[in-house]
Amino acid sequence: MSDEGTAALTYVFRVRFRLDSAAGVETDPREFETTVRVTPPPPGEEGWLLFRDALWRGEVNDERHARDLAASWLDAPVVSCSFAELRADEASLDALREAVAADLDAFNADSVREVLHKYFGSAIRVEPTDS
C-alpha cells in the first residue's frame, strides 16, 4: 500500500477496560483508560473495511460491537470504546480513497468524499510523511 518508512492508516480509539482479579485480590483502580491504535489491513484485503463495519459519522456505530472488538484487541473486559480519529499519511489516505472509489456502490454513495464523511465524519488527521 505504501512505501516503507511512511505511516499506514491507523484507527485511534479511546478504551476503558477493567481488571478482573482472583477471589481475595483487589486492585485500585479497577478500571483504566487507554488509547488503542489499530492498523488495519491494506485496502482491498480481508478486514480493511473496519471503518464501514464499526463507524458512523466519526463515532462507533454499535457500542457493544466496539466493546467486543476492543476486548479482542486487549484481551481484557472493556467497559467503553469510542472512536477518536483516523491517522494517515497522504499516500495511505490516497490508497484508501482509490479502494473506496473502485466500489462506490458497496458504500451506497456518489463520491469518495461522501463515503469518508459518512464513516469518519471530520475525524481524519493527515500526518506528514517521514522523509
N, C-alpha and C. Protein backbone atom coordinates (compact mmCIF):
# COMPACT_ATOMS: atom_id res chain seq x y z
N MET A 1 0.83 -1.20 0.00
CA MET A 1 0.00 0.00 0.00
C MET A 1 0.86 1.25 0.00
N SER A 2 1.84 1.32 0.89
CA SER A 2 2.70 2.50 0.93
C SER A 2 4.13 2.04 1.08
N ASP A 3 5.05 2.92 0.75
CA ASP A 3 6.46 2.60 0.85
C ASP A 3 6.87 2.47 2.30
N GLU A 4 7.91 1.65 2.52
CA GLU A 4 8.42 1.50 3.88
C GLU A 4 8.88 2.86 4.37
N GLY A 5 8.64 3.15 5.63
CA GLY A 5 9.03 4.44 6.20
C GLY A 5 7.89 5.44 6.25
N THR A 6 6.78 5.15 5.55
CA THR A 6 5.64 6.06 5.62
C THR A 6 4.61 5.48 6.58
N ALA A 7 3.83 6.34 7.14
CA ALA A 7 2.81 5.91 8.11
C ALA A 7 1.68 5.19 7.38
N ALA A 8 1.16 4.18 7.99
CA ALA A 8 -0.01 3.48 7.46
C ALA A 8 -1.26 4.12 8.03
N LEU A 9 -2.40 3.61 7.58
CA LEU A 9 -3.65 4.03 8.20
C LEU A 9 -3.66 3.50 9.63
N THR A 10 -4.12 4.32 10.55
CA THR A 10 -4.21 3.91 11.94
C THR A 10 -5.52 4.43 12.52
N TYR A 11 -6.32 3.51 13.03
CA TYR A 11 -7.54 3.89 13.74
C TYR A 11 -7.17 4.12 15.20
N VAL A 12 -7.64 5.21 15.77
CA VAL A 12 -7.35 5.53 17.16
C VAL A 12 -8.67 5.49 17.95
N PHE A 13 -8.66 4.67 18.99
CA PHE A 13 -9.83 4.51 19.86
C PHE A 13 -9.45 4.87 21.29
N ARG A 14 -10.40 5.38 22.03
CA ARG A 14 -10.25 5.57 23.47
C ARG A 14 -11.01 4.42 24.13
N VAL A 15 -10.32 3.69 24.96
CA VAL A 15 -10.91 2.48 25.54
C VAL A 15 -10.77 2.51 27.05
N ARG A 16 -11.83 2.16 27.71
CA ARG A 16 -11.82 1.98 29.17
C ARG A 16 -12.02 0.49 29.43
N PHE A 17 -11.10 -0.10 30.20
CA PHE A 17 -11.18 -1.52 30.49
C PHE A 17 -11.01 -1.75 31.97
N ARG A 18 -11.32 -2.95 32.41
CA ARG A 18 -11.22 -3.25 33.83
C ARG A 18 -10.35 -4.49 34.02
N LEU A 19 -9.83 -4.59 35.21
CA LEU A 19 -9.09 -5.78 35.59
C LEU A 19 -10.02 -6.70 36.35
N ASP A 20 -10.02 -7.93 35.97
CA ASP A 20 -10.74 -8.94 36.75
C ASP A 20 -9.68 -9.68 37.55
N SER A 21 -9.86 -9.74 38.85
CA SER A 21 -8.86 -10.38 39.69
C SER A 21 -9.46 -11.60 40.39
N ALA A 22 -8.57 -12.41 40.88
CA ALA A 22 -8.97 -13.64 41.58
C ALA A 22 -9.66 -13.27 42.89
N ALA A 23 -10.42 -14.22 43.40
CA ALA A 23 -11.09 -14.02 44.69
C ALA A 23 -10.06 -13.67 45.76
N GLY A 24 -10.36 -12.68 46.56
CA GLY A 24 -9.46 -12.25 47.63
C GLY A 24 -8.40 -11.27 47.19
N VAL A 25 -8.42 -10.89 45.89
CA VAL A 25 -7.44 -9.93 45.37
C VAL A 25 -8.19 -8.69 44.92
N GLU A 26 -7.73 -7.52 45.35
CA GLU A 26 -8.35 -6.25 44.95
C GLU A 26 -7.34 -5.42 44.20
N THR A 27 -7.83 -4.66 43.25
CA THR A 27 -6.98 -3.70 42.54
C THR A 27 -7.58 -2.32 42.72
N ASP A 28 -6.73 -1.31 42.72
CA ASP A 28 -7.19 0.06 42.85
C ASP A 28 -6.29 0.95 42.01
N PRO A 29 -6.74 1.52 40.94
CA PRO A 29 -8.12 1.44 40.47
C PRO A 29 -8.38 0.09 39.78
N ARG A 30 -9.63 -0.17 39.61
CA ARG A 30 -10.03 -1.40 38.93
C ARG A 30 -10.22 -1.17 37.44
N GLU A 31 -10.51 0.07 37.06
CA GLU A 31 -10.69 0.42 35.65
C GLU A 31 -9.61 1.38 35.20
N PHE A 32 -9.26 1.27 33.92
CA PHE A 32 -8.22 2.10 33.32
C PHE A 32 -8.67 2.59 31.96
N GLU A 33 -8.17 3.75 31.58
CA GLU A 33 -8.41 4.27 30.24
C GLU A 33 -7.10 4.22 29.48
N THR A 34 -7.21 3.92 28.20
CA THR A 34 -6.02 3.86 27.36
C THR A 34 -6.38 4.27 25.94
N THR A 35 -5.38 4.59 25.16
CA THR A 35 -5.55 4.86 23.74
C THR A 35 -5.10 3.62 22.99
N VAL A 36 -5.95 3.14 22.11
CA VAL A 36 -5.64 1.96 21.32
C VAL A 36 -5.51 2.38 19.87
N ARG A 37 -4.40 2.01 19.25
CA ARG A 37 -4.16 2.31 17.84
C ARG A 37 -4.19 1.00 17.07
N VAL A 38 -5.04 0.93 16.07
CA VAL A 38 -5.22 -0.28 15.28
C VAL A 38 -4.83 0.00 13.84
N THR A 39 -3.93 -0.79 13.31
CA THR A 39 -3.52 -0.69 11.91
C THR A 39 -4.30 -1.75 11.13
N PRO A 40 -5.21 -1.31 10.26
CA PRO A 40 -5.99 -2.29 9.51
C PRO A 40 -5.18 -2.86 8.35
N PRO A 41 -5.66 -3.96 7.77
CA PRO A 41 -5.01 -4.49 6.57
C PRO A 41 -5.08 -3.45 5.45
N PRO A 42 -4.20 -3.55 4.48
CA PRO A 42 -4.26 -2.62 3.34
C PRO A 42 -5.62 -2.69 2.64
N PRO A 43 -6.04 -1.58 2.04
CA PRO A 43 -7.32 -1.56 1.33
C PRO A 43 -7.40 -2.71 0.33
N GLY A 44 -8.55 -3.36 0.34
CA GLY A 44 -8.78 -4.47 -0.56
C GLY A 44 -8.55 -5.83 0.08
N GLU A 45 -7.79 -5.89 1.15
CA GLU A 45 -7.53 -7.15 1.84
C GLU A 45 -8.60 -7.39 2.90
N GLU A 46 -8.76 -8.66 3.27
CA GLU A 46 -9.76 -9.01 4.27
C GLU A 46 -9.55 -8.20 5.55
N GLY A 47 -10.64 -7.61 6.05
CA GLY A 47 -10.58 -6.82 7.27
C GLY A 47 -10.36 -5.33 7.06
N TRP A 48 -10.16 -4.91 5.81
CA TRP A 48 -9.86 -3.49 5.57
C TRP A 48 -11.07 -2.59 5.79
N LEU A 49 -12.27 -3.19 5.82
CA LEU A 49 -13.50 -2.40 5.96
C LEU A 49 -13.91 -2.18 7.41
N LEU A 50 -12.96 -2.17 8.32
CA LEU A 50 -13.26 -1.91 9.73
C LEU A 50 -14.09 -0.64 9.87
N PHE A 51 -13.75 0.40 9.13
CA PHE A 51 -14.49 1.66 9.25
C PHE A 51 -15.95 1.48 8.87
N ARG A 52 -16.23 0.71 7.83
CA ARG A 52 -17.62 0.51 7.39
C ARG A 52 -18.40 -0.32 8.41
N ASP A 53 -17.72 -1.25 9.04
CA ASP A 53 -18.39 -2.16 9.97
C ASP A 53 -18.52 -1.60 11.38
N ALA A 54 -17.71 -0.60 11.73
CA ALA A 54 -17.68 -0.16 13.12
C ALA A 54 -17.96 1.33 13.34
N LEU A 55 -17.95 2.14 12.29
CA LEU A 55 -18.07 3.59 12.47
C LEU A 55 -19.25 4.18 11.71
N TRP A 56 -19.69 5.33 12.22
CA TRP A 56 -20.71 6.13 11.52
C TRP A 56 -20.55 7.56 11.96
N ARG A 57 -20.24 8.42 11.00
CA ARG A 57 -20.07 9.86 11.24
C ARG A 57 -19.05 10.17 12.35
N GLY A 58 -17.98 9.39 12.36
CA GLY A 58 -16.90 9.65 13.31
C GLY A 58 -17.12 9.09 14.70
N GLU A 59 -18.13 8.26 14.85
CA GLU A 59 -18.42 7.63 16.14
C GLU A 59 -18.55 6.12 15.92
N VAL A 60 -18.41 5.35 17.00
CA VAL A 60 -18.70 3.92 16.86
C VAL A 60 -20.19 3.79 16.58
N ASN A 61 -20.55 2.88 15.69
CA ASN A 61 -21.96 2.75 15.30
C ASN A 61 -22.73 1.78 16.17
N ASP A 62 -22.02 0.96 16.95
CA ASP A 62 -22.66 0.00 17.83
C ASP A 62 -21.73 -0.19 19.03
N GLU A 63 -22.12 0.37 20.15
CA GLU A 63 -21.27 0.36 21.34
C GLU A 63 -20.87 -1.06 21.74
N ARG A 64 -21.80 -1.97 21.71
CA ARG A 64 -21.49 -3.35 22.11
C ARG A 64 -20.46 -3.98 21.16
N HIS A 65 -20.66 -3.80 19.87
CA HIS A 65 -19.71 -4.32 18.88
C HIS A 65 -18.33 -3.71 19.10
N ALA A 66 -18.28 -2.41 19.34
CA ALA A 66 -16.99 -1.74 19.57
C ALA A 66 -16.31 -2.28 20.83
N ARG A 67 -17.09 -2.49 21.88
CA ARG A 67 -16.50 -3.07 23.11
C ARG A 67 -15.97 -4.47 22.84
N ASP A 68 -16.71 -5.27 22.08
CA ASP A 68 -16.26 -6.62 21.75
C ASP A 68 -14.96 -6.59 20.93
N LEU A 69 -14.90 -5.68 19.95
CA LEU A 69 -13.66 -5.54 19.16
C LEU A 69 -12.49 -5.17 20.06
N ALA A 70 -12.70 -4.16 20.88
CA ALA A 70 -11.63 -3.69 21.76
C ALA A 70 -11.21 -4.78 22.74
N ALA A 71 -12.16 -5.55 23.23
CA ALA A 71 -11.83 -6.65 24.15
C ALA A 71 -10.95 -7.68 23.45
N SER A 72 -11.21 -7.91 22.17
CA SER A 72 -10.37 -8.87 21.43
C SER A 72 -8.97 -8.31 21.20
N TRP A 73 -8.85 -7.00 21.06
CA TRP A 73 -7.53 -6.39 20.88
C TRP A 73 -6.73 -6.40 22.18
N LEU A 74 -7.42 -6.20 23.30
CA LEU A 74 -6.74 -6.05 24.59
C LEU A 74 -6.72 -7.32 25.43
N ASP A 75 -7.57 -8.25 25.11
CA ASP A 75 -7.73 -9.45 25.93
C ASP A 75 -8.06 -9.06 27.37
N ALA A 76 -9.03 -8.15 27.48
CA ALA A 76 -9.48 -7.66 28.78
C ALA A 76 -10.94 -7.24 28.64
N PRO A 77 -11.70 -7.27 29.74
CA PRO A 77 -13.09 -6.80 29.68
C PRO A 77 -13.13 -5.29 29.42
N VAL A 78 -13.87 -4.88 28.40
CA VAL A 78 -13.93 -3.47 28.02
C VAL A 78 -15.24 -2.86 28.50
N VAL A 79 -15.12 -1.73 29.16
CA VAL A 79 -16.27 -1.00 29.70
C VAL A 79 -16.84 -0.06 28.66
N SER A 80 -15.95 0.63 27.91
CA SER A 80 -16.41 1.54 26.87
C SER A 80 -15.33 1.68 25.80
N CYS A 81 -15.80 2.02 24.60
CA CYS A 81 -14.88 2.21 23.47
C CYS A 81 -15.44 3.30 22.58
N SER A 82 -14.64 4.33 22.32
CA SER A 82 -15.08 5.39 21.42
C SER A 82 -14.00 5.62 20.37
N PHE A 83 -14.43 6.04 19.20
CA PHE A 83 -13.51 6.32 18.11
C PHE A 83 -12.99 7.74 18.27
N ALA A 84 -11.68 7.92 18.11
CA ALA A 84 -11.09 9.25 18.22
C ALA A 84 -10.78 9.84 16.84
N GLU A 85 -10.04 9.06 16.00
CA GLU A 85 -9.67 9.59 14.70
C GLU A 85 -9.02 8.51 13.84
N LEU A 86 -8.96 8.81 12.55
CA LEU A 86 -8.16 8.05 11.62
C LEU A 86 -6.91 8.87 11.36
N ARG A 87 -5.75 8.26 11.56
CA ARG A 87 -4.49 8.93 11.24
C ARG A 87 -3.92 8.29 9.98
N ALA A 88 -3.43 9.11 9.09
CA ALA A 88 -2.88 8.57 7.84
C ALA A 88 -1.92 9.56 7.23
N ASP A 89 -0.94 9.04 6.49
CA ASP A 89 -0.15 9.93 5.65
C ASP A 89 -0.92 10.06 4.33
N GLU A 90 -0.50 10.98 3.50
CA GLU A 90 -1.24 11.25 2.27
C GLU A 90 -1.28 10.03 1.35
N ALA A 91 -0.17 9.29 1.25
CA ALA A 91 -0.13 8.11 0.38
C ALA A 91 -1.11 7.04 0.85
N SER A 92 -1.17 6.80 2.14
CA SER A 92 -2.09 5.79 2.68
C SER A 92 -3.54 6.22 2.51
N LEU A 93 -3.81 7.50 2.71
CA LEU A 93 -5.16 8.01 2.52
C LEU A 93 -5.55 7.93 1.04
N ASP A 94 -4.62 8.20 0.15
CA ASP A 94 -4.89 8.06 -1.28
C ASP A 94 -5.23 6.61 -1.64
N ALA A 95 -4.51 5.66 -1.05
CA ALA A 95 -4.79 4.24 -1.31
C ALA A 95 -6.19 3.88 -0.82
N LEU A 96 -6.58 4.41 0.33
CA LEU A 96 -7.92 4.17 0.84
C LEU A 96 -8.96 4.77 -0.10
N ARG A 97 -8.72 6.00 -0.54
CA ARG A 97 -9.65 6.65 -1.47
C ARG A 97 -9.81 5.85 -2.75
N GLU A 98 -8.69 5.34 -3.28
CA GLU A 98 -8.74 4.55 -4.52
C GLU A 98 -9.55 3.28 -4.33
N ALA A 99 -9.37 2.60 -3.21
CA ALA A 99 -10.10 1.37 -2.94
C ALA A 99 -11.60 1.65 -2.80
N VAL A 100 -11.93 2.74 -2.15
CA VAL A 100 -13.34 3.12 -1.99
C VAL A 100 -13.92 3.48 -3.35
N ALA A 101 -13.18 4.25 -4.14
CA ALA A 101 -13.66 4.67 -5.47
C ALA A 101 -13.92 3.49 -6.38
N ALA A 102 -13.17 2.42 -6.20
CA ALA A 102 -13.32 1.24 -7.04
C ALA A 102 -14.64 0.52 -6.81
N ASP A 103 -15.32 0.83 -5.70
CA ASP A 103 -16.57 0.14 -5.39
C ASP A 103 -17.53 1.05 -4.63
N LEU A 104 -17.82 2.21 -5.18
CA LEU A 104 -18.71 3.17 -4.52
C LEU A 104 -20.09 2.58 -4.22
N ASP A 105 -20.58 1.70 -5.08
CA ASP A 105 -21.91 1.11 -4.86
C ASP A 105 -21.98 0.36 -3.53
N ALA A 106 -20.89 -0.26 -3.12
CA ALA A 106 -20.87 -1.01 -1.85
C ALA A 106 -21.08 -0.09 -0.65
N PHE A 107 -20.84 1.20 -0.84
CA PHE A 107 -20.98 2.17 0.24
C PHE A 107 -22.24 3.01 0.10
N ASN A 108 -23.04 2.73 -0.95
CA ASN A 108 -24.26 3.48 -1.20
C ASN A 108 -23.98 4.98 -1.20
N ALA A 109 -22.98 5.35 -2.01
CA ALA A 109 -22.56 6.75 -2.05
C ALA A 109 -22.24 7.16 -3.48
N ASP A 110 -22.23 8.47 -3.72
CA ASP A 110 -21.93 9.00 -5.05
C ASP A 110 -20.48 9.44 -5.21
N SER A 111 -19.76 9.58 -4.08
CA SER A 111 -18.37 10.03 -4.16
C SER A 111 -17.55 9.48 -2.99
N VAL A 112 -16.26 9.47 -3.19
CA VAL A 112 -15.35 9.04 -2.13
C VAL A 112 -15.47 9.98 -0.94
N ARG A 113 -15.56 11.26 -1.21
CA ARG A 113 -15.70 12.25 -0.13
C ARG A 113 -16.92 11.93 0.74
N GLU A 114 -18.03 11.59 0.09
CA GLU A 114 -19.25 11.23 0.83
C GLU A 114 -19.00 10.01 1.72
N VAL A 115 -18.32 9.01 1.20
CA VAL A 115 -18.03 7.80 1.97
C VAL A 115 -17.19 8.14 3.20
N LEU A 116 -16.11 8.88 2.99
CA LEU A 116 -15.24 9.22 4.11
C LEU A 116 -16.00 10.02 5.17
N HIS A 117 -16.85 10.92 4.74
CA HIS A 117 -17.62 11.71 5.70
C HIS A 117 -18.66 10.85 6.42
N LYS A 118 -19.30 9.93 5.69
CA LYS A 118 -20.30 9.05 6.31
C LYS A 118 -19.71 8.27 7.49
N TYR A 119 -18.51 7.78 7.30
CA TYR A 119 -17.94 6.89 8.31
C TYR A 119 -16.99 7.58 9.28
N PHE A 120 -16.20 8.52 8.81
CA PHE A 120 -15.21 9.15 9.68
C PHE A 120 -15.62 10.53 10.17
N GLY A 121 -16.70 11.09 9.63
CA GLY A 121 -17.06 12.46 9.99
C GLY A 121 -15.89 13.36 9.65
N SER A 122 -15.48 14.18 10.59
CA SER A 122 -14.32 15.05 10.37
C SER A 122 -13.10 14.53 11.14
N ALA A 123 -13.15 13.25 11.55
CA ALA A 123 -12.10 12.69 12.39
C ALA A 123 -10.99 12.01 11.59
N ILE A 124 -10.47 12.74 10.57
CA ILE A 124 -9.33 12.23 9.80
C ILE A 124 -8.19 13.22 9.98
N ARG A 125 -7.05 12.69 10.41
CA ARG A 125 -5.87 13.53 10.57
C ARG A 125 -4.79 13.04 9.63
N VAL A 126 -4.37 13.92 8.73
CA VAL A 126 -3.31 13.58 7.78
C VAL A 126 -1.99 14.04 8.40
N GLU A 127 -1.08 13.07 8.54
CA GLU A 127 0.22 13.36 9.12
C GLU A 127 1.27 13.46 8.03
N PRO A 128 2.32 14.23 8.28
CA PRO A 128 3.38 14.34 7.27
C PRO A 128 4.09 12.99 7.09
N THR A 129 4.56 12.77 5.88
CA THR A 129 5.31 11.56 5.57
C THR A 129 6.74 11.75 6.01
N ASP A 130 7.28 10.71 6.69
CA ASP A 130 8.69 10.75 7.07
C ASP A 130 9.54 10.70 5.81
N SER A 131 10.52 11.56 5.75
CA SER A 131 11.39 11.59 4.56
C SER A 131 12.67 10.86 4.82
